[in-house]
């Protein structure tokens, strides 16, 4: 299927993958997690998360998407908050633009 054949909502550079997996959010410069979230979907350019607190538009955060299997993080990225929408059932749906994928430093023996 070409991009012109897709529904308008999916005419993006990257197709979204539904993941619904745990994530940790850091709003601190040191990258230490200060909030838990759920990563709803993920694409090459961004992600959608659900969390309990509101984030300011255009703020930069670090998101670590984890595995249900307690393996290494699937993805750690520096992101910009592009959209925030309050949910009727509580919490916030947040759209993020991935600015940079962060490489974890290998531990030395």
PDB file of N, CA and C in Angstrom:
ATOM      1  N   UNK A   1       0.839  -1.167   0.000  1.00  0.00           N
ATOM      2  CA  UNK A   1       0.000   0.000   0.000  1.00  0.00           C
ATOM      3  C   UNK A   1       0.889   1.236   0.000  1.00  0.00           C
ATOM      4  N   UNK A   2       0.606   2.169  -0.869  1.00  0.00           N
ATOM      5  CA  UNK A   2       1.388   3.398  -0.909  1.00  0.00           C
ATOM      6  C   UNK A   2       0.825   4.395   0.096  1.00  0.00           C
ATOM      7  N   UNK A   3       1.587   5.454   0.368  1.00  0.00           N
ATOM      8  CA  UNK A   3       1.133   6.463   1.331  1.00  0.00           C
ATOM      9  C   UNK A   3      -0.146   7.142   0.858  1.00  0.00           C
ATOM     10  N   UNK A   4      -0.332   7.274  -0.451  1.00  0.00           N
ATOM     11  CA  UNK A   4      -1.542   7.921  -0.962  1.00  0.00           C
ATOM     12  C   UNK A   4      -2.776   7.045  -0.796  1.00  0.00           C
ATOM     13  N   UNK A   5      -2.598   5.728  -0.610  1.00  0.00           N
ATOM     14  CA  UNK A   5      -3.722   4.819  -0.408  1.00  0.00           C
ATOM     15  C   UNK A   5      -4.171   4.759   1.050  1.00  0.00           C
ATOM     16  N   UNK A   6      -3.347   5.258   1.972  1.00  0.00           N
ATOM     17  CA  UNK A   6      -3.674   5.196   3.393  1.00  0.00           C
ATOM     18  C   UNK A   6      -4.704   6.242   3.764  1.00  0.00           C
ATOM     19  N   UNK A   7      -5.443   5.948   4.839  1.00  0.00           N
ATOM     20  CA  UNK A   7      -6.376   6.886   5.422  1.00  0.00           C
ATOM     21  C   UNK A   7      -5.613   8.161   5.801  1.00  0.00           C
ATOM     22  N   UNK A   8      -6.266   9.315   5.753  1.00  0.00           N
ATOM     23  CA  UNK A   8      -5.598  10.587   6.032  1.00  0.00           C
ATOM     24  C   UNK A   8      -4.880  10.585   7.372  1.00  0.00           C
ATOM     25  N   UNK A   9      -5.492   9.980   8.421  1.00  0.00           N
ATOM     26  CA  UNK A   9      -4.898   9.989   9.753  1.00  0.00           C
ATOM     27  C   UNK A   9      -3.572   9.245   9.811  1.00  0.00           C
ATOM     28  N   UNK A  10      -3.292   8.400   8.819  1.00  0.00           N
ATOM     29  CA  UNK A  10      -2.035   7.662   8.808  1.00  0.00           C
ATOM     30  C   UNK A  10      -1.101   8.105   7.690  1.00  0.00           C
ATOM     31  N   UNK A  11      -1.318   9.287   7.122  1.00  0.00           N
ATOM     32  CA  UNK A  11      -0.402   9.817   6.111  1.00  0.00           C
ATOM     33  C   UNK A  11       0.729  10.530   6.819  1.00  0.00           C
ATOM     34  N   UNK A  12       1.608   9.756   7.387  1.00  0.00           N
ATOM     35  CA  UNK A  12       2.742  10.245   8.141  1.00  0.00           C
ATOM     36  C   UNK A  12       3.991   9.661   7.520  1.00  0.00           C
ATOM     37  N   UNK A  13       5.135  10.164   7.964  1.00  0.00           N
ATOM     38  CA  UNK A  13       6.396   9.608   7.483  1.00  0.00           C
ATOM     39  C   UNK A  13       6.618   8.198   8.014  1.00  0.00           C
ATOM     40  N   UNK A  14       6.073   7.908   9.190  1.00  0.00           N
ATOM     41  CA  UNK A  14       6.235   6.597   9.819  1.00  0.00           C
ATOM     42  C   UNK A  14       4.875   6.092  10.280  1.00  0.00           C
ATOM     43  N   UNK A  15       4.637   4.806  10.132  1.00  0.00           N
ATOM     44  CA  UNK A  15       3.399   4.199  10.617  1.00  0.00           C
ATOM     45  C   UNK A  15       3.546   3.928  12.104  1.00  0.00           C
ATOM     46  N   UNK A  16       2.477   4.160  12.860  1.00  0.00           N
ATOM     47  CA  UNK A  16       2.491   3.940  14.301  1.00  0.00           C
ATOM     48  C   UNK A  16       2.313   2.464  14.629  1.00  0.00           C
ATOM     49  N   UNK A  17       3.055   2.023  15.650  1.00  0.00           N
ATOM     50  CA  UNK A  17       2.894   0.661  16.176  1.00  0.00           C
ATOM     51  C   UNK A  17       2.254   0.777  17.551  1.00  0.00           C
ATOM     52  N   UNK A  18       1.186   0.034  17.778  1.00  0.00           N
ATOM     53  CA  UNK A  18       0.572  -0.015  19.105  1.00  0.00           C
ATOM     54  C   UNK A  18       1.467  -0.856  19.993  1.00  0.00           C
ATOM     55  N   UNK A  19       1.872  -0.309  21.148  1.00  0.00           N
ATOM     56  CA  UNK A  19       2.751  -1.062  22.033  1.00  0.00           C
ATOM     57  C   UNK A  19       2.186  -1.230  23.437  1.00  0.00           C
ATOM     58  N   UNK A  20       1.474  -0.234  23.960  1.00  0.00           N
ATOM     59  CA  UNK A  20       0.873  -0.297  25.293  1.00  0.00           C
ATOM     60  C   UNK A  20       1.787  -0.974  26.313  1.00  0.00           C
ATOM     61  N   UNK A  21       2.910  -0.343  26.560  1.00  0.00           N
ATOM     62  CA  UNK A  21       3.926  -0.895  27.450  1.00  0.00           C
ATOM     63  C   UNK A  21       4.376   0.167  28.455  1.00  0.00           C
ATOM     64  N   UNK A  22       4.908  -0.246  29.602  1.00  0.00           N
ATOM     65  CA  UNK A  22       5.341   0.727  30.612  1.00  0.00           C
ATOM     66  C   UNK A  22       6.465   1.628  30.106  1.00  0.00           C
ATOM     67  N   UNK A  23       6.487   2.839  30.636  1.00  0.00           N
ATOM     68  CA  UNK A  23       7.536   3.804  30.312  1.00  0.00           C
ATOM     69  C   UNK A  23       7.804   4.653  31.548  1.00  0.00           C
ATOM     70  N   UNK A  24       9.001   5.209  31.600  1.00  0.00           N
ATOM     71  CA  UNK A  24       9.345   6.142  32.661  1.00  0.00           C
ATOM     72  C   UNK A  24       9.672   7.484  32.022  1.00  0.00           C
ATOM     73  N   UNK A  25       9.240   8.546  32.686  1.00  0.00           N
ATOM     74  CA  UNK A  25       9.431   9.894  32.187  1.00  0.00           C
ATOM     75  C   UNK A  25      10.382  10.625  33.125  1.00  0.00           C
ATOM     76  N   UNK A  26      11.305  11.376  32.550  1.00  0.00           N
ATOM     77  CA  UNK A  26      12.173  12.227  33.339  1.00  0.00           C
ATOM     78  C   UNK A  26      12.059  13.650  32.827  1.00  0.00           C
ATOM     79  N   UNK A  27      11.718  14.548  33.727  1.00  0.00           N
ATOM     80  CA  UNK A  27      11.689  15.969  33.386  1.00  0.00           C
ATOM     81  C   UNK A  27      12.934  16.663  33.921  1.00  0.00           C
ATOM     82  N   UNK A  28      13.821  15.886  34.568  1.00  0.00           N
ATOM     83  CA  UNK A  28      15.031  16.426  35.200  1.00  0.00           C
ATOM     84  C   UNK A  28      16.218  16.356  34.234  1.00  0.00           C
ATOM     85  N   UNK A  29      17.145  17.307  34.333  1.00  0.00           N
ATOM     86  CA  UNK A  29      18.327  17.291  33.460  1.00  0.00           C
ATOM     87  C   UNK A  29      19.199  16.045  33.623  1.00  0.00           C
ATOM     88  N   UNK A  30      19.218  15.449  34.830  1.00  0.00           N
ATOM     89  CA  UNK A  30      20.060  14.272  35.058  1.00  0.00           C
ATOM     90  C   UNK A  30      19.463  12.989  34.488  1.00  0.00           C
ATOM     91  N   UNK A  31      18.213  13.044  34.009  1.00  0.00           N
ATOM     92  CA  UNK A  31      17.589  11.886  33.383  1.00  0.00           C
ATOM     93  C   UNK A  31      16.985  10.878  34.341  1.00  0.00           C
ATOM     94  N   UNK A  32      17.026  11.155  35.665  1.00  0.00           N
ATOM     95  CA  UNK A  32      16.428  10.243  36.637  1.00  0.00           C
ATOM     96  C   UNK A  32      14.908  10.263  36.486  1.00  0.00           C
ATOM     97  N   UNK A  33      14.272   9.082  36.364  1.00  0.00           N
ATOM     98  CA  UNK A  33      12.813   9.024  36.185  1.00  0.00           C
ATOM     99  C   UNK A  33      12.079   9.661  37.362  1.00  0.00           C
ATOM    100  N   UNK A  34      11.035  10.441  37.056  1.00  0.00           N
ATOM    101  CA  UNK A  34      10.226  11.028  38.113  1.00  0.00           C
ATOM    102  C   UNK A  34       8.737  10.799  37.906  1.00  0.00           C
ATOM    103  N   UNK A  35       8.373   9.996  36.896  1.00  0.00           N
ATOM    104  CA  UNK A  35       6.965   9.739  36.635  1.00  0.00           C
ATOM    105  C   UNK A  35       6.837   8.464  35.800  1.00  0.00           C
ATOM    106  N   UNK A  36       5.847   7.635  36.125  1.00  0.00           N
ATOM    107  CA  UNK A  36       5.560   6.454  35.312  1.00  0.00           C
ATOM    108  C   UNK A  36       4.483   6.788  34.292  1.00  0.00           C
ATOM    109  N   UNK A  37       4.519   6.098  33.167  1.00  0.00           N
ATOM    110  CA  UNK A  37       3.563   6.327  32.089  1.00  0.00           C
ATOM    111  C   UNK A  37       3.318   5.017  31.347  1.00  0.00           C
ATOM    112  N   UNK A  38       2.413   5.066  30.394  1.00  0.00           N
ATOM    113  CA  UNK A  38       2.187   3.969  29.455  1.00  0.00           C
ATOM    114  C   UNK A  38       2.449   4.517  28.065  1.00  0.00           C
ATOM    115  N   UNK A  39       3.312   3.848  27.325  1.00  0.00           N
ATOM    116  CA  UNK A  39       3.545   4.209  25.924  1.00  0.00           C
ATOM    117  C   UNK A  39       2.479   3.488  25.107  1.00  0.00           C
ATOM    118  N   UNK A  40       1.556   4.251  24.528  1.00  0.00           N
ATOM    119  CA  UNK A  40       0.440   3.681  23.770  1.00  0.00           C
ATOM    120  C   UNK A  40       0.843   3.261  22.368  1.00  0.00           C
ATOM    121  N   UNK A  41       1.553   4.155  21.691  1.00  0.00           N
ATOM    122  CA  UNK A  41       2.018   3.831  20.352  1.00  0.00           C
ATOM    123  C   UNK A  41       3.338   4.522  20.088  1.00  0.00           C
ATOM    124  N   UNK A  42       4.022   4.004  19.081  1.00  0.00           N
ATOM    125  CA  UNK A  42       5.383   4.426  18.807  1.00  0.00           C
ATOM    126  C   UNK A  42       5.606   4.423  17.303  1.00  0.00           C
ATOM    127  N   UNK A  43       6.312   5.445  16.823  1.00  0.00           N
ATOM    128  CA  UNK A  43       6.692   5.480  15.411  1.00  0.00           C
ATOM    129  C   UNK A  43       8.128   5.967  15.324  1.00  0.00           C
ATOM    130  N   UNK A  44       8.652   6.051  14.133  1.00  0.00           N
ATOM    131  CA  UNK A  44      10.015   6.512  13.951  1.00  0.00           C
ATOM    132  C   UNK A  44      10.217   7.964  14.321  1.00  0.00           C
ATOM    133  N   UNK A  45       9.153   8.743  14.398  1.00  0.00           N
ATOM    134  CA  UNK A  45       9.284  10.158  14.690  1.00  0.00           C
ATOM    135  C   UNK A  45       8.665  10.617  15.991  1.00  0.00           C
ATOM    136  N   UNK A  46       7.923   9.741  16.664  1.00  0.00           N
ATOM    137  CA  UNK A  46       7.283  10.171  17.898  1.00  0.00           C
ATOM    138  C   UNK A  46       6.574   9.036  18.608  1.00  0.00           C
ATOM    139  N   UNK A  47       5.860   9.407  19.663  1.00  0.00           N
ATOM    140  CA  UNK A  47       5.104   8.423  20.431  1.00  0.00           C
ATOM    141  C   UNK A  47       3.965   9.117  21.149  1.00  0.00           C
ATOM    142  N   UNK A  48       3.019   8.310  21.580  1.00  0.00           N
ATOM    143  CA  UNK A  48       1.894   8.782  22.371  1.00  0.00           C
ATOM    144  C   UNK A  48       1.960   8.069  23.710  1.00  0.00           C
ATOM    145  N   UNK A  49       1.876   8.838  24.797  1.00  0.00           N
ATOM    146  CA  UNK A  49       1.922   8.255  26.129  1.00  0.00           C
ATOM    147  C   UNK A  49       0.723   8.718  26.944  1.00  0.00           C
ATOM    148  N   UNK A  50       0.394   7.960  27.971  1.00  0.00           N
ATOM    149  CA  UNK A  50      -0.629   8.342  28.933  1.00  0.00           C
ATOM    150  C   UNK A  50       0.050   8.444  30.289  1.00  0.00           C
ATOM    151  N   UNK A  51      -0.192   9.547  30.988  1.00  0.00           N
ATOM    152  CA  UNK A  51       0.365   9.696  32.316  1.00  0.00           C
ATOM    153  C   UNK A  51      -0.575  10.497  33.197  1.00  0.00           C
ATOM    154  N   UNK A  52      -0.293  10.510  34.490  1.00  0.00           N
ATOM    155  CA  UNK A  52      -1.204  11.115  35.453  1.00  0.00           C
ATOM    156  C   UNK A  52      -1.037  12.620  35.602  1.00  0.00           C
ATOM    157  N   UNK A  53       0.106  13.163  35.205  1.00  0.00           N
ATOM    158  CA  UNK A  53       0.314  14.598  35.370  1.00  0.00           C
ATOM    159  C   UNK A  53       0.462  15.294  34.025  1.00  0.00           C
ATOM    160  N   UNK A  54       0.095  16.556  34.001  1.00  0.00           N
ATOM    161  CA  UNK A  54       0.172  17.351  32.778  1.00  0.00           C
ATOM    162  C   UNK A  54       1.600  17.830  32.551  1.00  0.00           C
ATOM    163  N   UNK A  55       2.018  17.844  31.305  1.00  0.00           N
ATOM    164  CA  UNK A  55       3.335  18.361  30.937  1.00  0.00           C
ATOM    165  C   UNK A  55       3.146  19.614  30.095  1.00  0.00           C
ATOM    166  N   UNK A  56       4.015  20.616  30.262  1.00  0.00           N
ATOM    167  CA  UNK A  56       3.898  21.836  29.459  1.00  0.00           C
ATOM    168  C   UNK A  56       4.240  21.570  27.984  1.00  0.00           C
ATOM    169  N   UNK A  57       3.491  22.202  27.095  1.00  0.00           N
ATOM    170  CA  UNK A  57       3.784  22.101  25.669  1.00  0.00           C
ATOM    171  C   UNK A  57       5.205  22.578  25.398  1.00  0.00           C
ATOM    172  N   UNK A  58       5.864  21.925  24.461  1.00  0.00           N
ATOM    173  CA  UNK A  58       7.225  22.232  24.016  1.00  0.00           C
ATOM    174  C   UNK A  58       8.300  21.927  25.056  1.00  0.00           C
ATOM    175  N   UNK A  59       7.929  21.385  26.219  1.00  0.00           N
ATOM    176  CA  UNK A  59       8.958  21.025  27.195  1.00  0.00           C
ATOM    177  C   UNK A  59       9.704  19.797  26.701  1.00  0.00           C
ATOM    178  N   UNK A  60      10.946  19.656  27.133  1.00  0.00           N
ATOM    179  CA  UNK A  60      11.750  18.501  26.744  1.00  0.00           C
ATOM    180  C   UNK A  60      11.820  17.522  27.901  1.00  0.00           C
ATOM    181  N   UNK A  61      11.615  16.255  27.594  1.00  0.00           N
ATOM    182  CA  UNK A  61      11.650  15.193  28.583  1.00  0.00           C
ATOM    183  C   UNK A  61      12.444  14.020  28.029  1.00  0.00           C
ATOM    184  N   UNK A  62      12.808  13.117  28.902  1.00  0.00           N
ATOM    185  CA  UNK A  62      13.431  11.870  28.477  1.00  0.00           C
ATOM    186  C   UNK A  62      12.448  10.749  28.775  1.00  0.00           C
ATOM    187  N   UNK A  63      12.208   9.900  27.787  1.00  0.00           N
ATOM    188  CA  UNK A  63      11.286   8.776  27.938  1.00  0.00           C
ATOM    189  C   UNK A  63      12.074   7.484  27.780  1.00  0.00           C
ATOM    190  N   UNK A  64      11.869   6.577  28.728  1.00  0.00           N
ATOM    191  CA  UNK A  64      12.457   5.251  28.639  1.00  0.00           C
ATOM    192  C   UNK A  64      11.322   4.258  28.532  1.00  0.00           C
ATOM    193  N   UNK A  65      11.194   3.622  27.390  1.00  0.00           N
ATOM    194  CA  UNK A  65      10.167   2.604  27.172  1.00  0.00           C
ATOM    195  C   UNK A  65      10.785   1.273  27.568  1.00  0.00           C
ATOM    196  N   UNK A  66      10.106   0.567  28.448  1.00  0.00           N
ATOM    197  CA  UNK A  66      10.660  -0.663  28.995  1.00  0.00           C
ATOM    198  C   UNK A  66       9.981  -1.898  28.415  1.00  0.00           C
ATOM    199  N   UNK A  67      10.526  -3.023  28.783  1.00  0.00           N
ATOM    200  CA  UNK A  67      10.000  -4.308  28.352  1.00  0.00           C
ATOM    201  C   UNK A  67       9.245  -4.958  29.505  1.00  0.00           C
ATOM    202  N   UNK A  68       8.190  -5.677  29.205  1.00  0.00           N
ATOM    203  CA  UNK A  68       7.473  -6.438  30.230  1.00  0.00           C
ATOM    204  C   UNK A  68       8.318  -7.583  30.758  1.00  0.00           C
ATOM    205  N   UNK A  69       9.418  -7.880  30.095  1.00  0.00           N
ATOM    206  CA  UNK A  69      10.253  -9.021  30.453  1.00  0.00           C
ATOM    207  C   UNK A  69      11.466  -8.632  31.289  1.00  0.00           C
ATOM    208  N   UNK A  70      11.508  -7.380  31.771  1.00  0.00           N
ATOM    209  CA  UNK A  70      12.598  -6.866  32.608  1.00  0.00           C
ATOM    210  C   UNK A  70      13.959  -6.903  31.916  1.00  0.00           C
ATOM    211  N   UNK A  71      13.958  -6.860  30.603  1.00  0.00           N
ATOM    212  CA  UNK A  71      15.211  -6.782  29.856  1.00  0.00           C
ATOM    213  C   UNK A  71      15.645  -5.328  29.811  1.00  0.00           C
ATOM    214  N   UNK A  72      16.690  -5.063  29.108  1.00  0.00           N
ATOM    215  CA  UNK A  72      17.155  -3.694  28.918  1.00  0.00           C
ATOM    216  C   UNK A  72      16.042  -2.853  28.306  1.00  0.00           C
ATOM    217  N   UNK A  73      16.128  -1.521  28.474  1.00  0.00           N
ATOM    218  CA  UNK A  73      15.107  -0.664  27.858  1.00  0.00           C
ATOM    219  C   UNK A  73      15.020  -0.910  26.356  1.00  0.00           C
ATOM    220  N   UNK A  74      13.818  -0.862  25.849  1.00  0.00           N
ATOM    221  CA  UNK A  74      13.600  -0.994  24.414  1.00  0.00           C
ATOM    222  C   UNK A  74      14.067   0.281  23.724  1.00  0.00           C
ATOM    223  N   UNK A  75      13.766   1.426  24.370  1.00  0.00           N
ATOM    224  CA  UNK A  75      14.072   2.717  23.761  1.00  0.00           C
ATOM    225  C   UNK A  75      14.228   3.764  24.848  1.00  0.00           C
ATOM    226  N   UNK A  76      15.243   4.593  24.711  1.00  0.00           N
ATOM    227  CA  UNK A  76      15.399   5.773  25.561  1.00  0.00           C
ATOM    228  C   UNK A  76      15.599   6.936  24.615  1.00  0.00           C
ATOM    229  N   UNK A  77      14.745   7.958  24.745  1.00  0.00           N
ATOM    230  CA  UNK A  77      14.788   9.068  23.800  1.00  0.00           C
ATOM    231  C   UNK A  77      14.509  10.396  24.477  1.00  0.00           C
ATOM    232  N   UNK A  78      15.163  11.425  23.957  1.00  0.00           N
ATOM    233  CA  UNK A  78      14.867  12.800  24.357  1.00  0.00           C
ATOM    234  C   UNK A  78      13.741  13.271  23.450  1.00  0.00           C
ATOM    235  N   UNK A  79      12.661  13.777  24.052  1.00  0.00           N
ATOM    236  CA  UNK A  79      11.461  14.121  23.293  1.00  0.00           C
ATOM    237  C   UNK A  79      10.971  15.520  23.632  1.00  0.00           C
ATOM    238  N   UNK A  80      10.196  16.091  22.718  1.00  0.00           N
ATOM    239  CA  UNK A  80       9.528  17.363  22.958  1.00  0.00           C
ATOM    240  C   UNK A  80       8.025  17.117  23.016  1.00  0.00           C
ATOM    241  N   UNK A  81       7.366  17.753  23.970  1.00  0.00           N
ATOM    242  CA  UNK A  81       5.920  17.611  24.134  1.00  0.00           C
ATOM    243  C   UNK A  81       5.229  18.404  23.025  1.00  0.00           C
ATOM    244  N   UNK A  82       4.514  17.699  22.147  1.00  0.00           N
ATOM    245  CA  UNK A  82       3.856  18.326  21.004  1.00  0.00           C
ATOM    246  C   UNK A  82       2.358  18.538  21.219  1.00  0.00           C
ATOM    247  N   UNK A  83       1.748  17.708  22.091  1.00  0.00           N
ATOM    248  CA  UNK A  83       0.292  17.778  22.291  1.00  0.00           C
ATOM    249  C   UNK A  83      -0.024  17.213  23.667  1.00  0.00           C
ATOM    250  N   UNK A  84      -0.977  17.845  24.375  1.00  0.00           N
ATOM    251  CA  UNK A  84      -1.439  17.356  25.673  1.00  0.00           C
ATOM    252  C   UNK A  84      -2.959  17.434  25.672  1.00  0.00           C
ATOM    253  N   UNK A  85      -3.604  16.328  25.997  1.00  0.00           N
ATOM    254  CA  UNK A  85      -5.063  16.291  26.026  1.00  0.00           C
ATOM    255  C   UNK A  85      -5.523  15.605  27.303  1.00  0.00           C
ATOM    256  N   UNK A  86      -6.341  16.309  28.108  1.00  0.00           N
ATOM    257  CA  UNK A  86      -6.897  15.722  29.326  1.00  0.00           C
ATOM    258  C   UNK A  86      -7.885  14.630  28.948  1.00  0.00           C
ATOM    259  N   UNK A  87      -7.862  13.526  29.692  1.00  0.00           N
ATOM    260  CA  UNK A  87      -8.756  12.398  29.455  1.00  0.00           C
ATOM    261  C   UNK A  87      -9.941  12.467  30.411  1.00  0.00           C
ATOM    262  N   UNK A  88     -11.130  12.095  29.943  1.00  0.00           N
ATOM    263  CA  UNK A  88     -12.328  12.120  30.785  1.00  0.00           C
ATOM    264  C   UNK A  88     -12.166  11.248  32.018  1.00  0.00           C
ATOM    265  N   UNK A  89     -11.507  10.101  31.868  1.00  0.00           N
ATOM    266  CA  UNK A  89     -11.331   9.160  32.972  1.00  0.00           C
ATOM    267  C   UNK A  89     -10.166   9.535  33.882  1.00  0.00           C
ATOM    268  N   UNK A  90      -9.529  10.665  33.623  1.00  0.00           N
ATOM    269  CA  UNK A  90      -8.380  11.123  34.406  1.00  0.00           C
ATOM    270  C   UNK A  90      -7.091  10.894  33.653  1.00  0.00           C
ATOM    271  N   UNK A  91      -6.087  11.634  33.983  1.00  0.00           N
ATOM    272  CA  UNK A  91      -4.800  11.518  33.316  1.00  0.00           C
ATOM    273  C   UNK A  91      -4.754  12.342  32.045  1.00  0.00           C
ATOM    274  N   UNK A  92      -3.638  12.208  31.339  1.00  0.00           N
ATOM    275  CA  UNK A  92      -3.392  12.994  30.140  1.00  0.00           C
ATOM    276  C   UNK A  92      -2.832  12.117  29.030  1.00  0.00           C
ATOM    277  N   UNK A  93      -3.294  12.357  27.822  1.00  0.00           N
ATOM    278  CA  UNK A  93      -2.754  11.746  26.616  1.00  0.00           C
ATOM    279  C   UNK A  93      -1.772  12.759  26.051  1.00  0.00           C
ATOM    280  N   UNK A  94      -0.492  12.349  25.897  1.00  0.00           N
ATOM    281  CA  UNK A  94       0.555  13.277  25.488  1.00  0.00           C
ATOM    282  C   UNK A  94       1.213  12.782  24.200  1.00  0.00           C
ATOM    283  N   UNK A  95       1.266  13.650  23.206  1.00  0.00           N
ATOM    284  CA  UNK A  95       1.956  13.355  21.956  1.00  0.00           C
ATOM    285  C   UNK A  95       3.367  13.911  22.029  1.00  0.00           C
ATOM    286  N   UNK A  96       4.347  13.077  21.713  1.00  0.00           N
ATOM    287  CA  UNK A  96       5.750  13.472  21.811  1.00  0.00           C
ATOM    288  C   UNK A  96       6.445  13.353  20.469  1.00  0.00           C
ATOM    289  N   UNK A  97       7.316  14.298  20.185  1.00  0.00           N
ATOM    290  CA  UNK A  97       8.183  14.226  19.014  1.00  0.00           C
ATOM    291  C   UNK A  97       9.555  13.753  19.489  1.00  0.00           C
ATOM    292  N   UNK A  98      10.059  12.679  18.896  1.00  0.00           N
ATOM    293  CA  UNK A  98      11.382  12.184  19.270  1.00  0.00           C
ATOM    294  C   UNK A  98      12.434  13.096  18.641  1.00  0.00           C
ATOM    295  N   UNK A  99      13.261  13.686  19.502  1.00  0.00           N
ATOM    296  CA  UNK A  99      14.333  14.576  19.047  1.00  0.00           C
ATOM    297  C   UNK A  99      15.648  13.830  18.885  1.00  0.00           C
ATOM    298  N   UNK A 100      15.891  12.862  19.793  1.00  0.00           N
ATOM    299  CA  UNK A 100      17.162  12.135  19.765  1.00  0.00           C
ATOM    300  C   UNK A 100      17.007  10.824  20.520  1.00  0.00           C
ATOM    301  N   UNK A 101      17.504   9.750  19.936  1.00  0.00           N
ATOM    302  CA  UNK A 101      17.565   8.474  20.638  1.00  0.00           C
ATOM    303  C   UNK A 101      18.839   8.496  21.465  1.00  0.00           C
ATOM    304  N   UNK A 102      18.701   8.167  22.750  1.00  0.00           N
ATOM    305  CA  UNK A 102      19.822   8.223  23.680  1.00  0.00           C
ATOM    306  C   UNK A 102      20.426   6.834  23.818  1.00  0.00           C
ATOM    307  N   UNK A 103      21.720   6.740  23.612  1.00  0.00           N
ATOM    308  CA  UNK A 103      22.429   5.472  23.759  1.00  0.00           C
ATOM    309  C   UNK A 103      22.817   5.308  25.218  1.00  0.00           C
ATOM    310  N   UNK A 104      22.528   4.155  25.763  1.00  0.00           N
ATOM    311  CA  UNK A 104      22.932   3.848  27.127  1.00  0.00           C
ATOM    312  C   UNK A 104      24.430   3.586  27.119  1.00  0.00           C
ATOM    313  N   UNK A 105      25.135   4.083  28.132  1.00  0.00           N
ATOM    314  CA  UNK A 105      26.559   3.816  28.250  1.00  0.00           C
ATOM    315  C   UNK A 105      26.741   2.420  28.816  1.00  0.00           C
ATOM    316  N   UNK A 106      27.624   1.651  28.227  1.00  0.00           N
ATOM    317  CA  UNK A 106      27.903   0.296  28.691  1.00  0.00           C
ATOM    318  C   UNK A 106      28.626   0.368  30.035  1.00  0.00           C
ATOM    319  N   UNK A 107      28.237  -0.541  30.941  1.00  0.00           N
ATOM    320  CA  UNK A 107      28.905  -0.597  32.234  1.00  0.00           C
ATOM    321  C   UNK A 107      30.260  -1.238  32.078  1.00  0.00           C
ATOM    322  N   UNK A 108      31.257  -0.672  32.776  1.00  0.00           N
ATOM    323  CA  UNK A 108      32.604  -1.234  32.721  1.00  0.00           C
ATOM    324  C   UNK A 108      32.764  -2.287  33.812  1.00  0.00           C
ATOM    325  N   UNK A 109      33.507  -3.353  33.517  1.00  0.00           N
ATOM    326  CA  UNK A 109      33.749  -4.400  34.514  1.00  0.00           C
ATOM    327  C   UNK A 109      34.860  -4.031  35.449  1.00  0.00           C
TER     328      UNK A 109
END
